[in-house]
Amino acid sequence: VFTVFAVEESYLPARDLANRLQNLGYHISVNSVPSSSVS
């Protein structure tokens, strides 16, 4: 189970990757909010 940490300009490429990997059945989520990344 992968969590991708990406903020600002890195969010769109990270979201694009996660969407495509999810379509292949993999467990990928994106955390893009700096204030919540530590938690």
All heavy atoms as atom14 arrays in JSON, in Angstrom:
{
  "sequence": "VFTVFAVEESYLPARDLANRLQNLGYHISVNSVPSSSVS",
  "atom14_mask": [
    [1, 1, 1, 1, 1, 1, 1, 0, 0, 0, 0, 0, 0, 0],
    [1, 1, 1, 1, 1, 1, 1, 1, 1, 1, 1, 0, 0, 0],
    [1, 1, 1, 1, 1, 1, 1, 0, 0, 0, 0, 0, 0, 0],
    [1, 1, 1, 1, 1, 1, 1, 0, 0, 0, 0, 0, 0, 0],
    [1, 1, 1, 1, 1, 1, 1, 1, 1, 1, 1, 0, 0, 0],
    [1, 1, 1, 1, 1, 0, 0, 0, 0, 0, 0, 0, 0, 0],
    [1, 1, 1, 1, 1, 1, 1, 0, 0, 0, 0, 0, 0, 0],
    [1, 1, 1, 1, 1, 1, 1, 1, 1, 0, 0, 0, 0, 0],
    [1, 1, 1, 1, 1, 1, 1, 1, 1, 0, 0, 0, 0, 0],
    [1, 1, 1, 1, 1, 1, 0, 0, 0, 0, 0, 0, 0, 0],
    [1, 1, 1, 1, 1, 1, 1, 1, 1, 1, 1, 1, 0, 0],
    [1, 1, 1, 1, 1, 1, 1, 1, 0, 0, 0, 0, 0, 0],
    [1, 1, 1, 1, 1, 1, 1, 0, 0, 0, 0, 0, 0, 0],
    [1, 1, 1, 1, 1, 0, 0, 0, 0, 0, 0, 0, 0, 0],
    [1, 1, 1, 1, 1, 1, 1, 1, 1, 1, 1, 0, 0, 0],
    [1, 1, 1, 1, 1, 1, 1, 1, 0, 0, 0, 0, 0, 0],
    [1, 1, 1, 1, 1, 1, 1, 1, 0, 0, 0, 0, 0, 0],
    [1, 1, 1, 1, 1, 0, 0, 0, 0, 0, 0, 0, 0, 0],
    [1, 1, 1, 1, 1, 1, 1, 1, 0, 0, 0, 0, 0, 0],
    [1, 1, 1, 1, 1, 1, 1, 1, 1, 1, 1, 0, 0, 0],
    [1, 1, 1, 1, 1, 1, 1, 1, 0, 0, 0, 0, 0, 0],
    [1, 1, 1, 1, 1, 1, 1, 1, 1, 0, 0, 0, 0, 0],
    [1, 1, 1, 1, 1, 1, 1, 1, 0, 0, 0, 0, 0, 0],
    [1, 1, 1, 1, 1, 1, 1, 1, 0, 0, 0, 0, 0, 0],
    [1, 1, 1, 1, 0, 0, 0, 0, 0, 0, 0, 0, 0, 0],
    [1, 1, 1, 1, 1, 1, 1, 1, 1, 1, 1, 1, 0, 0],
    [1, 1, 1, 1, 1, 1, 1, 1, 1, 1, 0, 0, 0, 0],
    [1, 1, 1, 1, 1, 1, 1, 1, 0, 0, 0, 0, 0, 0],
    [1, 1, 1, 1, 1, 1, 0, 0, 0, 0, 0, 0, 0, 0],
    [1, 1, 1, 1, 1, 1, 1, 0, 0, 0, 0, 0, 0, 0],
    [1, 1, 1, 1, 1, 1, 1, 1, 0, 0, 0, 0, 0, 0],
    [1, 1, 1, 1, 1, 1, 0, 0, 0, 0, 0, 0, 0, 0],
    [1, 1, 1, 1, 1, 1, 1, 0, 0, 0, 0, 0, 0, 0],
    [1, 1, 1, 1, 1, 1, 1, 0, 0, 0, 0, 0, 0, 0],
    [1, 1, 1, 1, 1, 1, 0, 0, 0, 0, 0, 0, 0, 0],
    [1, 1, 1, 1, 1, 1, 0, 0, 0, 0, 0, 0, 0, 0],
    [1, 1, 1, 1, 1, 1, 0, 0, 0, 0, 0, 0, 0, 0],
    [1, 1, 1, 1, 1, 1, 1, 0, 0, 0, 0, 0, 0, 0],
    [1, 1, 1, 1, 1, 1, 0, 0, 0, 0, 0, 0, 0, 0]
  ],
  "atom14_positions": [
    [[0.86, -1.18, 0.0], [0.0, 0.0, 0.0], [0.9, 1.23, 0.0], [1.68, 1.45, 0.93], [-0.92, 0.02, 1.23], [-1.74, 1.3, 1.25], [-1.83, -1.19, 1.22], [0.0, 0.0, 0.0], [0.0, 0.0, 0.0], [0.0, 0.0, 0.0], [0.0, 0.0, 0.0], [0.0, 0.0, 0.0], [0.0, 0.0, 0.0], [0.0, 0.0, 0.0]],
    [[0.81, 2.03, -1.05], [1.68, 3.18, -1.22], [0.95, 4.48, -0.93], [-0.2, 4.66, -1.35], [2.2, 3.24, -2.66], [3.61, 2.72, -2.83], [3.84, 1.37, -3.03], [4.69, 3.58, -2.79], [5.11, 0.88, -3.2], [5.98, 3.1, -2.94], [6.19, 1.75, -3.16], [0.0, 0.0, 0.0], [0.0, 0.0, 0.0], [0.0, 0.0, 0.0]],
    [[1.63, 5.38, -0.25], [1.17, 6.76, -0.15], [2.18, 7.63, -0.87], [3.38, 7.54, -0.63], [1.07, 7.23, 1.31], [0.08, 6.44, 1.99], [0.66, 8.7, 1.39], [0.0, 0.0, 0.0], [0.0, 0.0, 0.0], [0.0, 0.0, 0.0], [0.0, 0.0, 0.0], [0.0, 0.0, 0.0], [0.0, 0.0, 0.0], [0.0, 0.0, 0.0]],
    [[1.68, 8.45, -1.78], [2.53, 9.38, -2.52], [2.42, 10.75, -1.86], [1.32, 11.28, -1.69], [2.12, 9.48, -4.0], [3.04, 10.44, -4.75], [2.15, 8.11, -4.66], [0.0, 0.0, 0.0], [0.0, 0.0, 0.0], [0.0, 0.0, 0.0], [0.0, 0.0, 0.0], [0.0, 0.0, 0.0], [0.0, 0.0, 0.0], [0.0, 0.0, 0.0]],
    [[3.55, 11.31, -1.47], [3.59, 12.64, -0.88], [4.05, 13.62, -1.96], [5.16, 13.5, -2.48], [4.56, 12.68, 0.3], [4.09, 11.91, 1.5], [4.28, 10.54, 1.59], [3.46, 12.56, 2.57], [3.86, 9.82, 2.69], [3.04, 11.86, 3.68], [3.23, 10.47, 3.74], [0.0, 0.0, 0.0], [0.0, 0.0, 0.0], [0.0, 0.0, 0.0]],
    [[3.19, 14.56, -2.3], [3.51, 15.54, -3.34], [2.71, 16.8, -3.09], [1.51, 16.73, -2.82], [3.18, 14.97, -4.72], [0.0, 0.0, 0.0], [0.0, 0.0, 0.0], [0.0, 0.0, 0.0], [0.0, 0.0, 0.0], [0.0, 0.0, 0.0], [0.0, 0.0, 0.0], [0.0, 0.0, 0.0], [0.0, 0.0, 0.0], [0.0, 0.0, 0.0]],
    [[3.36, 17.94, -3.17], [2.68, 19.22, -2.95], [2.95, 20.15, -4.12], [3.86, 19.96, -4.92], [3.15, 19.88, -1.63], [2.81, 19.01, -0.44], [4.65, 20.15, -1.66], [0.0, 0.0, 0.0], [0.0, 0.0, 0.0], [0.0, 0.0, 0.0], [0.0, 0.0, 0.0], [0.0, 0.0, 0.0], [0.0, 0.0, 0.0], [0.0, 0.0, 0.0]],
    [[2.1, 21.16, -4.21], [2.22, 22.22, -5.2], [2.37, 21.67, -6.62], [1.54, 20.88, -7.06], [3.36, 23.17, -4.81], [3.11, 23.87, -3.48], [4.23, 24.78, -3.04], [5.3, 24.78, -3.68], [4.04, 25.48, -2.04], [0.0, 0.0, 0.0], [0.0, 0.0, 0.0], [0.0, 0.0, 0.0], [0.0, 0.0, 0.0], [0.0, 0.0, 0.0]],
    [[3.45, 22.04, -7.34], [3.52, 21.65, -8.75], [3.71, 20.15, -8.96], [3.51, 19.65, -10.07], [4.64, 22.42, -9.47], [6.04, 21.92, -9.2], [6.72, 22.6, -8.01], [6.01, 23.31, -7.26], [7.93, 22.43, -7.85], [0.0, 0.0, 0.0], [0.0, 0.0, 0.0], [0.0, 0.0, 0.0], [0.0, 0.0, 0.0], [0.0, 0.0, 0.0]],
    [[4.09, 19.43, -7.92], [4.27, 17.99, -8.05], [2.96, 17.22, -7.92], [2.91, 16.02, -8.19], [5.26, 17.47, -6.99], [6.54, 18.03, -7.18], [0.0, 0.0, 0.0], [0.0, 0.0, 0.0], [0.0, 0.0, 0.0], [0.0, 0.0, 0.0], [0.0, 0.0, 0.0], [0.0, 0.0, 0.0], [0.0, 0.0, 0.0], [0.0, 0.0, 0.0]],
    [[1.89, 17.92, -7.49], [0.63, 17.21, -7.24], [0.04, 16.62, -8.52], [-0.38, 15.46, -8.54], [-0.4, 18.14, -6.59], [-1.77, 17.51, -6.52], [-2.03, 16.49, -5.62], [-2.79, 17.92, -7.38], [-3.28, 15.89, -5.57], [-4.04, 17.34, -7.32], [-4.28, 16.32, -6.43], [-5.51, 15.73, -6.39], [0.0, 0.0, 0.0], [0.0, 0.0, 0.0]],
    [[-0.02, 17.39, -9.6], [-0.66, 16.9, -10.82], [0.04, 15.67, -11.4], [-0.64, 14.69, -11.71], [-0.73, 18.02, -11.86], [-1.77, 19.11, -11.58], [-1.73, 20.18, -12.67], [-3.18, 18.51, -11.49], [0.0, 0.0, 0.0], [0.0, 0.0, 0.0], [0.0, 0.0, 0.0], [0.0, 0.0, 0.0], [0.0, 0.0, 0.0], [0.0, 0.0, 0.0]],
    [[1.38, 15.67, -11.55], [2.0, 14.43, -12.02], [1.81, 13.26, -11.06], [1.63, 12.12, -11.49], [3.48, 14.79, -12.18], [3.66, 16.08, -11.48], [2.35, 16.77, -11.48], [0.0, 0.0, 0.0], [0.0, 0.0, 0.0], [0.0, 0.0, 0.0], [0.0, 0.0, 0.0], [0.0, 0.0, 0.0], [0.0, 0.0, 0.0], [0.0, 0.0, 0.0]],
    [[1.79, 13.54, -9.75], [1.57, 12.47, -8.77], [0.16, 11.91, -8.88], [-0.05, 10.69, -8.84], [1.82, 13.0, -7.36], [0.0, 0.0, 0.0], [0.0, 0.0, 0.0], [0.0, 0.0, 0.0], [0.0, 0.0, 0.0], [0.0, 0.0, 0.0], [0.0, 0.0, 0.0], [0.0, 0.0, 0.0], [0.0, 0.0, 0.0], [0.0, 0.0, 0.0]],
    [[-0.83, 12.79, -9.03], [-2.22, 12.36, -9.17], [-2.42, 11.55, -10.45], [-3.14, 10.54, -10.45], [-3.11, 13.61, -9.2], [-4.62, 13.37, -9.27], [-5.15, 12.8, -7.99], [-5.21, 11.34, -8.01], [-5.43, 10.59, -6.95], [-5.61, 11.14, -5.77], [-5.48, 9.27, -7.05], [0.0, 0.0, 0.0], [0.0, 0.0, 0.0], [0.0, 0.0, 0.0]],
    [[-1.77, 11.99, -11.52], [-1.86, 11.27, -12.79], [-1.3, 9.85, -12.65], [-1.9, 8.88, -13.11], [-1.1, 12.05, -13.87], [-1.07, 11.32, -15.2], [-2.12, 11.25, -15.86], [0.0, 10.82, -15.58], [0.0, 0.0, 0.0], [0.0, 0.0, 0.0], [0.0, 0.0, 0.0], [0.0, 0.0, 0.0], [0.0, 0.0, 0.0], [0.0, 0.0, 0.0]],
    [[-0.13, 9.73, -12.01], [0.47, 8.4, -11.8], [-0.44, 7.52, -10.96], [-0.67, 6.35, -11.28], [1.83, 8.54, -11.12], [2.5, 7.22, -10.72], [2.94, 6.44, -11.95], [3.69, 7.48, -9.79], [0.0, 0.0, 0.0], [0.0, 0.0, 0.0], [0.0, 0.0, 0.0], [0.0, 0.0, 0.0], [0.0, 0.0, 0.0], [0.0, 0.0, 0.0]],
    [[-0.96, 8.08, -9.86], [-1.81, 7.3, -8.95], [-3.06, 6.81, -9.67], [-3.47, 5.65, -9.51], [-2.19, 8.15, -7.74], [0.0, 0.0, 0.0], [0.0, 0.0, 0.0], [0.0, 0.0, 0.0], [0.0, 0.0, 0.0], [0.0, 0.0, 0.0], [0.0, 0.0, 0.0], [0.0, 0.0, 0.0], [0.0, 0.0, 0.0], [0.0, 0.0, 0.0]],
    [[-3.68, 7.65, -10.49], [-4.88, 7.25, -11.23], [-4.6, 6.06, -12.14], [-5.38, 5.11, -12.21], [-5.42, 8.42, -12.05], [-6.08, 9.49, -11.19], [-6.43, 9.24, -10.04], [-6.23, 10.68, -11.74], [0.0, 0.0, 0.0], [0.0, 0.0, 0.0], [0.0, 0.0, 0.0], [0.0, 0.0, 0.0], [0.0, 0.0, 0.0], [0.0, 0.0, 0.0]],
    [[-3.49, 6.12, -12.84], [-3.17, 5.05, -13.79], [-2.82, 3.75, -13.08], [-3.19, 2.66, -13.53], [-2.03, 5.49, -14.71], [-2.47, 6.56, -15.72], [-1.38, 6.86, -16.72], [-0.27, 7.58, -16.11], [0.92, 7.73, -16.7], [1.16, 7.2, -17.87], [1.87, 8.42, -16.09], [0.0, 0.0, 0.0], [0.0, 0.0, 0.0], [0.0, 0.0, 0.0]],
    [[-2.12, 3.86, -11.94], [-1.79, 2.65, -11.19], [-3.02, 2.05, -10.52], [-3.15, 0.83, -10.4], [-0.71, 2.96, -10.15], [0.68, 3.28, -10.71], [1.64, 3.67, -9.59], [1.25, 2.09, -11.49], [0.0, 0.0, 0.0], [0.0, 0.0, 0.0], [0.0, 0.0, 0.0], [0.0, 0.0, 0.0], [0.0, 0.0, 0.0], [0.0, 0.0, 0.0]],
    [[-3.94, 2.91, -10.09], [-5.19, 2.42, -9.53], [-5.98, 1.65, -10.58], [-6.63, 0.64, -10.26], [-6.01, 3.59, -8.99], [-5.46, 4.19, -7.7], [-6.1, 5.52, -7.36], [-7.01, 5.98, -8.04], [-5.6, 6.16, -6.31], [0.0, 0.0, 0.0], [0.0, 0.0, 0.0], [0.0, 0.0, 0.0], [0.0, 0.0, 0.0], [0.0, 0.0, 0.0]],
    [[-5.92, 2.08, -11.82], [-6.6, 1.37, -12.91], [-6.02, -0.01, -13.15], [-6.67, -0.88, -13.72], [-6.53, 2.18, -14.2], [-7.42, 3.41, -14.17], [-8.36, 3.48, -13.39], [-7.12, 4.39, -15.0], [0.0, 0.0, 0.0], [0.0, 0.0, 0.0], [0.0, 0.0, 0.0], [0.0, 0.0, 0.0], [0.0, 0.0, 0.0], [0.0, 0.0, 0.0]],
    [[-4.77, -0.2, -12.68], [-4.15, -1.52, -12.8], [-4.36, -2.36, -11.54], [-3.86, -3.48, -11.44], [-2.64, -1.38, -13.06], [-2.24, -0.69, -14.38], [-0.71, -0.66, -14.51], [-2.86, -1.37, -15.59], [0.0, 0.0, 0.0], [0.0, 0.0, 0.0], [0.0, 0.0, 0.0], [0.0, 0.0, 0.0], [0.0, 0.0, 0.0], [0.0, 0.0, 0.0]],
    [[-5.09, -1.81, -10.58], [-5.42, -2.57, -9.37], [-4.53, -2.35, -8.18], [-4.62, -3.09, -7.19], [0.0, 0.0, 0.0], [0.0, 0.0, 0.0], [0.0, 0.0, 0.0], [0.0, 0.0, 0.0], [0.0, 0.0, 0.0], [0.0, 0.0, 0.0], [0.0, 0.0, 0.0], [0.0, 0.0, 0.0], [0.0, 0.0, 0.0], [0.0, 0.0, 0.0]],
    [[-3.66, -1.34, -8.23], [-2.73, -1.13, -7.12], [-3.29, -0.11, -6.13], [-4.08, 0.76, -6.49], [-1.37, -0.67, -7.65], [-0.72, -1.73, -8.51], [-0.67, -1.6, -9.89], [-0.2, -2.88, -7.93], [-0.11, -2.6, -10.68], [0.36, -3.89, -8.71], [0.4, -3.73, -10.09], [0.94, -4.72, -10.86], [0.0, 0.0, 0.0], [0.0, 0.0, 0.0]],
    [[-2.85, -0.24, -4.87], [-3.35, 0.6, -3.78], [-2.44, 1.82, -3.63], [-1.43, 1.77, -2.91], [-3.42, -0.19, -2.48], [-4.26, -1.43, -2.58], [-5.64, -1.38, -2.65], [-3.92, -2.74, -2.64], [-6.12, -2.63, -2.74], [-5.09, -3.46, -2.74], [0.0, 0.0, 0.0], [0.0, 0.0, 0.0], [0.0, 0.0, 0.0], [0.0, 0.0, 0.0]],
    [[-2.8, 2.89, -4.29], [-2.0, 4.11, -4.29], [-2.88, 5.29, -3.91], [-3.95, 5.5, -4.5], [-1.4, 4.4, -5.69], [-0.69, 3.16, -6.25], [-0.46, 5.6, -5.64], [0.62, 2.83, -5.61], [0.0, 0.0, 0.0], [0.0, 0.0, 0.0], [0.0, 0.0, 0.0], [0.0, 0.0, 0.0], [0.0, 0.0, 0.0], [0.0, 0.0, 0.0]],
    [[-2.46, 6.06, -2.92], [-3.17, 7.29, -2.57], [-2.18, 8.46, -2.59], [-0.97, 8.25, -2.49], [-3.82, 7.18, -1.18], [-2.83, 7.0, -0.19], [0.0, 0.0, 0.0], [0.0, 0.0, 0.0], [0.0, 0.0, 0.0], [0.0, 0.0, 0.0], [0.0, 0.0, 0.0], [0.0, 0.0, 0.0], [0.0, 0.0, 0.0], [0.0, 0.0, 0.0]],
    [[-2.7, 9.67, -2.72], [-1.85, 10.86, -2.79], [-2.17, 11.78, -1.63], [-3.33, 12.14, -1.41], [-2.05, 11.62, -4.12], [-1.15, 12.85, -4.16], [-1.75, 10.71, -5.31], [0.0, 0.0, 0.0], [0.0, 0.0, 0.0], [0.0, 0.0, 0.0], [0.0, 0.0, 0.0], [0.0, 0.0, 0.0], [0.0, 0.0, 0.0], [0.0, 0.0, 0.0]],
    [[-1.14, 12.15, -0.87], [-1.28, 13.15, 0.18], [-0.68, 14.44, -0.34], [0.53, 14.52, -0.57], [-0.57, 12.7, 1.46], [-0.82, 13.66, 2.61], [-0.28, 14.75, 2.64], [-1.64, 13.25, 3.56], [0.0, 0.0, 0.0], [0.0, 0.0, 0.0], [0.0, 0.0, 0.0], [0.0, 0.0, 0.0], [0.0, 0.0, 0.0], [0.0, 0.0, 0.0]],
    [[-1.51, 15.45, -0.54], [-1.04, 16.68, -1.18], [-1.18, 17.91, -0.29], [-0.9, 19.02, -0.73], [-1.82, 16.92, -2.48], [-3.2, 17.07, -2.21], [0.0, 0.0, 0.0], [0.0, 0.0, 0.0], [0.0, 0.0, 0.0], [0.0, 0.0, 0.0], [0.0, 0.0, 0.0], [0.0, 0.0, 0.0], [0.0, 0.0, 0.0], [0.0, 0.0, 0.0]],
    [[-1.62, 17.73, 0.96], [-1.83, 18.87, 1.87], [-0.67, 18.92, 2.86], [-0.54, 18.02, 3.7], [-3.17, 18.75, 2.61], [-3.38, 19.96, 3.52], [-4.32, 18.59, 1.62], [0.0, 0.0, 0.0], [0.0, 0.0, 0.0], [0.0, 0.0, 0.0], [0.0, 0.0, 0.0], [0.0, 0.0, 0.0], [0.0, 0.0, 0.0], [0.0, 0.0, 0.0]],
    [[0.18, 19.93, 2.78], [1.34, 19.99, 3.67], [1.0, 19.85, 5.15], [1.7, 19.19, 5.91], [1.95, 21.36, 3.36], [1.53, 21.66, 1.97], [0.15, 21.07, 1.84], [0.0, 0.0, 0.0], [0.0, 0.0, 0.0], [0.0, 0.0, 0.0], [0.0, 0.0, 0.0], [0.0, 0.0, 0.0], [0.0, 0.0, 0.0], [0.0, 0.0, 0.0]],
    [[-0.1, 20.47, 5.56], [-0.46, 20.46, 6.98], [-0.85, 19.08, 7.49], [-0.84, 18.83, 8.7], [-1.6, 21.44, 7.24], [-2.75, 21.07, 6.48], [0.0, 0.0, 0.0], [0.0, 0.0, 0.0], [0.0, 0.0, 0.0], [0.0, 0.0, 0.0], [0.0, 0.0, 0.0], [0.0, 0.0, 0.0], [0.0, 0.0, 0.0], [0.0, 0.0, 0.0]],
    [[-1.2, 18.17, 6.58], [-1.62, 16.84, 7.01], [-0.58, 15.76, 6.73], [-0.78, 14.59, 7.08], [-2.93, 16.44, 6.31], [-2.72, 16.25, 4.92], [0.0, 0.0, 0.0], [0.0, 0.0, 0.0], [0.0, 0.0, 0.0], [0.0, 0.0, 0.0], [0.0, 0.0, 0.0], [0.0, 0.0, 0.0], [0.0, 0.0, 0.0], [0.0, 0.0, 0.0]],
    [[0.53, 16.12, 6.1], [1.51, 15.1, 5.72], [2.17, 14.46, 6.92], [2.44, 13.25, 6.93], [2.57, 15.7, 4.78], [3.28, 16.73, 5.42], [0.0, 0.0, 0.0], [0.0, 0.0, 0.0], [0.0, 0.0, 0.0], [0.0, 0.0, 0.0], [0.0, 0.0, 0.0], [0.0, 0.0, 0.0], [0.0, 0.0, 0.0], [0.0, 0.0, 0.0]],
    [[2.44, 15.23, 7.97], [3.08, 14.67, 9.16], [2.15, 13.68, 9.85], [2.56, 12.58, 10.23], [3.5, 15.79, 10.13], [3.91, 15.21, 11.48], [4.65, 16.6, 9.55], [0.0, 0.0, 0.0], [0.0, 0.0, 0.0], [0.0, 0.0, 0.0], [0.0, 0.0, 0.0], [0.0, 0.0, 0.0], [0.0, 0.0, 0.0], [0.0, 0.0, 0.0]],
    [[0.87, 14.05, 10.01], [-0.08, 13.13, 10.66], [-0.27, 11.88, 9.81], [-0.45, 10.77, 10.35], [-1.42, 13.84, 10.89], [-1.96, 14.32, 9.67], [0.0, 0.0, 0.0], [0.0, 0.0, 0.0], [0.0, 0.0, 0.0], [0.0, 0.0, 0.0], [0.0, 0.0, 0.0], [0.0, 0.0, 0.0], [0.0, 0.0, 0.0], [0.0, 0.0, 0.0]]
  ]
}
